[in-house]
PDB file of N, CA and C in Angstrom:
ATOM      1  N   MET A   1      33.351  -3.123  10.538  1.00  0.00           N
ATOM      2  CA  MET A   1      33.415  -4.141   9.498  1.00  0.00           C
ATOM      3  C   MET A   1      32.800  -5.445   9.988  1.00  0.00           C
ATOM      4  N   ALA A   2      33.082  -5.772  11.241  1.00  0.00           N
ATOM      5  CA  ALA A   2      32.542  -7.007  11.800  1.00  0.00           C
ATOM      6  C   ALA A   2      31.022  -6.947  11.876  1.00  0.00           C
ATOM      7  N   THR A   3      30.493  -5.762  12.140  1.00  0.00           N
ATOM      8  CA  THR A   3      29.036  -5.606  12.229  1.00  0.00           C
ATOM      9  C   THR A   3      28.379  -5.861  10.876  1.00  0.00           C
ATOM     10  N   ILE A   4      28.985  -5.338   9.828  1.00  0.00           N
ATOM     11  CA  ILE A   4      28.434  -5.543   8.487  1.00  0.00           C
ATOM     12  C   ILE A   4      28.465  -7.028   8.118  1.00  0.00           C
ATOM     13  N   LEU A   5      29.558  -7.685   8.427  1.00  0.00           N
ATOM     14  CA  LEU A   5      29.653  -9.121   8.151  1.00  0.00           C
ATOM     15  C   LEU A   5      28.628  -9.905   8.959  1.00  0.00           C
ATOM     16  N   LEU A   6      28.415  -9.490  10.199  1.00  0.00           N
ATOM     17  CA  LEU A   6      27.413 -10.148  11.037  1.00  0.00           C
ATOM     18  C   LEU A   6      26.011  -9.980  10.454  1.00  0.00           C
ATOM     19  N   VAL A   7      25.688  -8.770  10.009  1.00  0.00           N
ATOM     20  CA  VAL A   7      24.362  -8.515   9.421  1.00  0.00           C
ATOM     21  C   VAL A   7      24.174  -9.342   8.154  1.00  0.00           C
ATOM     22  N   PHE A   8      25.184  -9.333   7.275  1.00  0.00           N
ATOM     23  CA  PHE A   8      25.070 -10.133   6.049  1.00  0.00           C
ATOM     24  C   PHE A   8      25.013 -11.627   6.353  1.00  0.00           C
ATOM     25  N   GLY A   9      25.729 -12.051   7.368  1.00  0.00           N
ATOM     26  CA  GLY A   9      25.671 -13.452   7.772  1.00  0.00           C
ATOM     27  C   GLY A   9      24.290 -13.841   8.262  1.00  0.00           C
ATOM     28  N   LEU A  10      23.660 -12.964   9.062  1.00  0.00           N
ATOM     29  CA  LEU A  10      22.300 -13.235   9.544  1.00  0.00           C
ATOM     30  C   LEU A  10      21.297 -13.243   8.394  1.00  0.00           C
ATOM     31  N   LEU A  11      21.437 -12.295   7.482  1.00  0.00           N
ATOM     32  CA  LEU A  11      20.535 -12.270   6.325  1.00  0.00           C
ATOM     33  C   LEU A  11      20.700 -13.529   5.476  1.00  0.00           C
ATOM     34  N   GLY A  12      21.931 -13.958   5.293  1.00  0.00           N
ATOM     35  CA  GLY A  12      22.176 -15.180   4.544  1.00  0.00           C
ATOM     36  C   GLY A  12      21.601 -16.403   5.226  1.00  0.00           C
ATOM     37  N   ALA A  13      21.729 -16.461   6.564  1.00  0.00           N
ATOM     38  CA  ALA A  13      21.177 -17.588   7.317  1.00  0.00           C
ATOM     39  C   ALA A  13      19.658 -17.618   7.222  1.00  0.00           C
ATOM     40  N   ILE A  14      19.034 -16.450   7.301  1.00  0.00           N
ATOM     41  CA  ILE A  14      17.567 -16.378   7.194  1.00  0.00           C
ATOM     42  C   ILE A  14      17.134 -16.803   5.792  1.00  0.00           C
ATOM     43  N   ALA A  15      17.835 -16.334   4.766  1.00  0.00           N
ATOM     44  CA  ALA A  15      17.494 -16.715   3.390  1.00  0.00           C
ATOM     45  C   ALA A  15      17.648 -18.213   3.198  1.00  0.00           C
ATOM     46  N   LEU A  16      18.716 -18.773   3.734  1.00  0.00           N
ATOM     47  CA  LEU A  16      18.935 -20.211   3.617  1.00  0.00           C
ATOM     48  C   LEU A  16      17.835 -20.992   4.330  1.00  0.00           C
ATOM     49  N   LEU A  17      17.438 -20.528   5.500  1.00  0.00           N
ATOM     50  CA  LEU A  17      16.350 -21.183   6.240  1.00  0.00           C
ATOM     51  C   LEU A  17      15.043 -21.136   5.450  1.00  0.00           C
ATOM     52  N   LEU A  18      14.747 -19.999   4.834  1.00  0.00           N
ATOM     53  CA  LEU A  18      13.526 -19.889   4.030  1.00  0.00           C
ATOM     54  C   LEU A  18      13.572 -20.802   2.809  1.00  0.00           C
ATOM     55  N   ILE A  19      14.710 -20.878   2.163  1.00  0.00           N
ATOM     56  CA  ILE A  19      14.847 -21.742   0.988  1.00  0.00           C
ATOM     57  C   ILE A  19      14.659 -23.203   1.376  1.00  0.00           C
ATOM     58  N   VAL A  20      15.298 -23.616   2.467  1.00  0.00           N
ATOM     59  CA  VAL A  20      15.170 -25.007   2.918  1.00  0.00           C
ATOM     60  C   VAL A  20      13.721 -25.312   3.294  1.00  0.00           C
ATOM     61  N   THR A  21      13.073 -24.374   3.981  1.00  0.00           N
ATOM     62  CA  THR A  21      11.675 -24.580   4.383  1.00  0.00           C
ATOM     63  C   THR A  21      10.779 -24.740   3.160  1.00  0.00           C
ATOM     64  N   LEU A  22      10.967 -23.898   2.154  1.00  0.00           N
ATOM     65  CA  LEU A  22      10.128 -23.983   0.960  1.00  0.00           C
ATOM     66  C   LEU A  22      10.397 -25.248   0.158  1.00  0.00           C
ATOM     67  N   LEU A  23      11.645 -25.678   0.119  1.00  0.00           N
ATOM     68  CA  LEU A  23      11.962 -26.888  -0.637  1.00  0.00           C
ATOM     69  C   LEU A  23      11.477 -28.151   0.061  1.00  0.00           C
ATOM     70  N   ARG A  24      11.345 -28.100   1.374  1.00  0.00           N
ATOM     71  CA  ARG A  24      10.892 -29.282   2.104  1.00  0.00           C
ATOM     72  C   ARG A  24       9.386 -29.490   1.995  1.00  0.00           C
ATOM     73  N   ARG A  25       8.681 -28.433   1.661  1.00  0.00           N
ATOM     74  CA  ARG A  25       7.224 -28.572   1.524  1.00  0.00           C
ATOM     75  C   ARG A  25       6.927 -29.479   0.343  1.00  0.00           C
ATOM     76  N   SER A  26       5.934 -30.309   0.505  1.00  0.00           N
ATOM     77  CA  SER A  26       5.550 -31.166  -0.619  1.00  0.00           C
ATOM     78  C   SER A  26       4.378 -30.515  -1.344  1.00  0.00           C
ATOM     79  N   ASN A  27       4.382 -30.616  -2.635  1.00  0.00           N
ATOM     80  CA  ASN A  27       3.302 -30.069  -3.439  1.00  0.00           C
ATOM     81  C   ASN A  27       2.315 -31.156  -3.839  1.00  0.00           C
ATOM     82  N   SER A  28       2.243 -32.177  -3.027  1.00  0.00           N
ATOM     83  CA  SER A  28       1.336 -33.269  -3.348  1.00  0.00           C
ATOM     84  C   SER A  28      -0.109 -32.829  -3.124  1.00  0.00           C
ATOM     85  N   PRO A  29      -1.018 -33.361  -3.900  1.00  0.00           N
ATOM     86  CA  PRO A  29      -2.419 -32.993  -3.734  1.00  0.00           C
ATOM     87  C   PRO A  29      -2.977 -33.519  -2.408  1.00  0.00           C
ATOM     88  N   THR A  30      -4.040 -32.903  -1.983  1.00  0.00           N
ATOM     89  CA  THR A  30      -4.689 -33.292  -0.735  1.00  0.00           C
ATOM     90  C   THR A  30      -5.317 -34.666  -0.877  1.00  0.00           C
ATOM     91  N   GLN A  31      -5.257 -35.463   0.164  1.00  0.00           N
ATOM     92  CA  GLN A  31      -5.798 -36.812   0.127  1.00  0.00           C
ATOM     93  C   GLN A  31      -7.182 -36.915   0.755  1.00  0.00           C
ATOM     94  N   HIS A  32      -7.579 -35.934   1.564  1.00  0.00           N
ATOM     95  CA  HIS A  32      -8.863 -36.006   2.255  1.00  0.00           C
ATOM     96  C   HIS A  32      -9.971 -35.428   1.392  1.00  0.00           C
ATOM     97  N   VAL A  33     -11.178 -35.932   1.585  1.00  0.00           N
ATOM     98  CA  VAL A  33     -12.314 -35.523   0.753  1.00  0.00           C
ATOM     99  C   VAL A  33     -12.599 -34.036   0.925  1.00  0.00           C
ATOM    100  N   GLU A  34     -12.576 -33.535   2.155  1.00  0.00           N
ATOM    101  CA  GLU A  34     -12.853 -32.120   2.377  1.00  0.00           C
ATOM    102  C   GLU A  34     -11.808 -31.253   1.689  1.00  0.00           C
ATOM    103  N   GLY A  35     -10.549 -31.656   1.787  1.00  0.00           N
ATOM    104  CA  GLY A  35      -9.487 -30.899   1.130  1.00  0.00           C
ATOM    105  C   GLY A  35      -9.648 -30.903  -0.379  1.00  0.00           C
ATOM    106  N   LEU A  36     -10.054 -32.046  -0.936  1.00  0.00           N
ATOM    107  CA  LEU A  36     -10.275 -32.126  -2.383  1.00  0.00           C
ATOM    108  C   LEU A  36     -11.427 -31.232  -2.811  1.00  0.00           C
ATOM    109  N   ARG A  37     -12.479 -31.184  -2.012  1.00  0.00           N
ATOM    110  CA  ARG A  37     -13.617 -30.313  -2.330  1.00  0.00           C
ATOM    111  C   ARG A  37     -13.210 -28.846  -2.269  1.00  0.00           C
ATOM    112  N   ILE A  38     -12.405 -28.486  -1.280  1.00  0.00           N
ATOM    113  CA  ILE A  38     -11.945 -27.103  -1.163  1.00  0.00           C
ATOM    114  C   ILE A  38     -11.071 -26.748  -2.354  1.00  0.00           C
ATOM    115  N   GLU A  39     -10.163 -27.642  -2.741  1.00  0.00           N
ATOM    116  CA  GLU A  39      -9.307 -27.394  -3.898  1.00  0.00           C
ATOM    117  C   GLU A  39     -10.131 -27.226  -5.165  1.00  0.00           C
ATOM    118  N   GLN A  40     -11.133 -28.079  -5.343  1.00  0.00           N
ATOM    119  CA  GLN A  40     -11.977 -27.997  -6.534  1.00  0.00           C
ATOM    120  C   GLN A  40     -12.745 -26.675  -6.542  1.00  0.00           C
ATOM    121  N   SER A  41     -13.258 -26.274  -5.405  1.00  0.00           N
ATOM    122  CA  SER A  41     -13.983 -25.012  -5.300  1.00  0.00           C
ATOM    123  C   SER A  41     -13.085 -23.829  -5.648  1.00  0.00           C
ATOM    124  N   ARG A  42     -11.868 -23.840  -5.137  1.00  0.00           N
ATOM    125  CA  ARG A  42     -10.922 -22.745  -5.412  1.00  0.00           C
ATOM    126  C   ARG A  42     -10.534 -22.717  -6.892  1.00  0.00           C
ATOM    127  N   ARG A  43     -10.356 -23.891  -7.487  1.00  0.00           N
ATOM    128  CA  ARG A  43     -10.021 -23.964  -8.912  1.00  0.00           C
ATOM    129  C   ARG A  43     -11.148 -23.395  -9.765  1.00  0.00           C
ATOM    130  N   GLU A  44     -12.393 -23.765  -9.429  1.00  0.00           N
ATOM    131  CA  GLU A  44     -13.540 -23.262 -10.180  1.00  0.00           C
ATOM    132  C   GLU A  44     -13.684 -21.754 -10.012  1.00  0.00           C
ATOM    133  N   GLN A  45     -13.449 -21.261  -8.798  1.00  0.00           N
ATOM    134  CA  GLN A  45     -13.527 -19.820  -8.555  1.00  0.00           C
ATOM    135  C   GLN A  45     -12.441 -19.083  -9.334  1.00  0.00           C
ATOM    136  N   ALA A  46     -11.244 -19.628  -9.367  1.00  0.00           N
ATOM    137  CA  ALA A  46     -10.151 -19.003 -10.116  1.00  0.00           C
ATOM    138  C   ALA A  46     -10.470 -18.972 -11.608  1.00  0.00           C
ATOM    139  N   ARG A  47     -11.024 -20.063 -12.130  1.00  0.00           N
ATOM    140  CA  ARG A  47     -11.390 -20.115 -13.544  1.00  0.00           C
ATOM    141  C   ARG A  47     -12.454 -19.067 -13.851  1.00  0.00           C
ATOM    142  N   SER A  48     -13.429 -18.952 -12.975  1.00  0.00           N
ATOM    143  CA  SER A  48     -14.484 -17.966 -13.160  1.00  0.00           C
ATOM    144  C   SER A  48     -13.933 -16.543 -13.096  1.00  0.00           C
ATOM    145  N   ASP A  49     -13.023 -16.300 -12.152  1.00  0.00           N
ATOM    146  CA  ASP A  49     -12.428 -14.967 -12.027  1.00  0.00           C
ATOM    147  C   ASP A  49     -11.605 -14.608 -13.255  1.00  0.00           C
ATOM    148  N   ARG A  50     -10.849 -15.584 -13.780  1.00  0.00           N
ATOM    149  CA  ARG A  50     -10.048 -15.311 -14.977  1.00  0.00           C
ATOM    150  C   ARG A  50     -10.945 -14.950 -16.156  1.00  0.00           C
ATOM    151  N   ALA A  51     -12.084 -15.605 -16.260  1.00  0.00           N
ATOM    152  CA  ALA A  51     -13.000 -15.309 -17.356  1.00  0.00           C
ATOM    153  C   ALA A  51     -13.693 -13.968 -17.138  1.00  0.00           C
ATOM    154  N   SER A  52     -14.036 -13.660 -15.903  1.00  0.00           N
ATOM    155  CA  SER A  52     -14.778 -12.434 -15.607  1.00  0.00           C
ATOM    156  C   SER A  52     -13.924 -11.187 -15.719  1.00  0.00           C
ATOM    157  N   TYR A  53     -12.663 -11.286 -15.342  1.00  0.00           N
ATOM    158  CA  TYR A  53     -11.813 -10.105 -15.273  1.00  0.00           C
ATOM    159  C   TYR A  53     -10.775 -10.054 -16.390  1.00  0.00           C
ATOM    160  N   SER A  54     -10.984 -10.794 -17.451  1.00  0.00           N
ATOM    161  CA  SER A  54     -10.037 -10.755 -18.561  1.00  0.00           C
ATOM    162  C   SER A  54     -10.233  -9.468 -19.361  1.00  0.00           C
ATOM    163  N   ALA A  55      -9.293  -9.169 -20.236  1.00  0.00           N
ATOM    164  CA  ALA A  55      -9.372  -7.966 -21.046  1.00  0.00           C
ATOM    165  C   ALA A  55     -10.580  -8.021 -21.973  1.00  0.00           C
ATOM    166  N   LEU A  56     -10.867  -9.199 -22.518  1.00  0.00           N
ATOM    167  CA  LEU A  56     -12.033  -9.314 -23.406  1.00  0.00           C
ATOM    168  C   LEU A  56     -13.332  -9.084 -22.654  1.00  0.00           C
ATOM    169  N   ALA A  57     -13.426  -9.603 -21.443  1.00  0.00           N
ATOM    170  CA  ALA A  57     -14.648  -9.410 -20.668  1.00  0.00           C
ATOM    171  C   ALA A  57     -14.818  -7.951 -20.281  1.00  0.00           C
ATOM    172  N   ALA A  58     -13.722  -7.278 -19.994  1.00  0.00           N
ATOM    173  CA  ALA A  58     -13.799  -5.869 -19.615  1.00  0.00           C
ATOM    174  C   ALA A  58     -14.209  -5.004 -20.796  1.00  0.00           C
ATOM    175  N   ARG A  59     -13.795  -5.370 -22.006  1.00  0.00           N
ATOM    176  CA  ARG A  59     -14.119  -4.572 -23.197  1.00  0.00           C
ATOM    177  C   ARG A  59     -15.439  -4.982 -23.833  1.00  0.00           C
ATOM    178  N   ASN A  60     -16.043  -6.029 -23.355  1.00  0.00           N
ATOM    179  CA  ASN A  60     -17.280  -6.527 -23.935  1.00  0.00           C
ATOM    180  C   ASN A  60     -18.503  -5.860 -23.294  1.00  0.00           C
ATOM    181  N   VAL A  61     -18.320  -4.690 -22.735  1.00  0.00           N
ATOM    182  CA  VAL A  61     -19.414  -3.967 -22.097  1.00  0.00           C
ATOM    183  C   VAL A  61     -20.091  -3.124 -23.163  1.00  0.00           C
ATOM    184  N   PRO A  62     -21.405  -3.144 -23.222  1.00  0.00           N
ATOM    185  CA  PRO A  62     -22.076  -2.344 -24.245  1.00  0.00           C
ATOM    186  C   PRO A  62     -21.798  -0.851 -24.043  1.00  0.00           C
ATOM    187  N   TYR A  63     -21.672  -0.153 -25.153  1.00  0.00           N
ATOM    188  CA  TYR A  63     -21.406   1.269 -25.105  1.00  0.00           C
ATOM    189  C   TYR A  63     -22.645   2.011 -24.605  1.00  0.00           C
ATOM    190  N   THR A  64     -22.463   2.911 -23.695  1.00  0.00           N
ATOM    191  CA  THR A  64     -23.595   3.692 -23.170  1.00  0.00           C
ATOM    192  C   THR A  64     -23.395   5.158 -23.512  1.00  0.00           C
ATOM    193  N   ARG A  65     -24.456   5.792 -23.927  1.00  0.00           N
ATOM    194  CA  ARG A  65     -24.388   7.217 -24.245  1.00  0.00           C
ATOM    195  C   ARG A  65     -24.883   8.012 -23.068  1.00  0.00           C
ATOM    196  N   ARG A  66     -24.326   9.181 -22.919  1.00  0.00           N
ATOM    197  CA  ARG A  66     -24.748  10.039 -21.811  1.00  0.00           C
ATOM    198  C   ARG A  66     -25.789  10.997 -22.251  1.00  0.00           C
TER     199      ARG A  66
END
């Protein structure tokens, strides 16, 4: 019984540590020019990917006959 409580206690401590770590992170935008350029590049790539791989884009392929 003590072993089970110890395991659950360790799992709870790890979960608590992860929660605290994630909550302490700030979601503030990058202040440096290089970081801003990287963020802008990633945003543009994500927008392009969403447009390219959407359901409408996938179905907008011309029908080909065999």
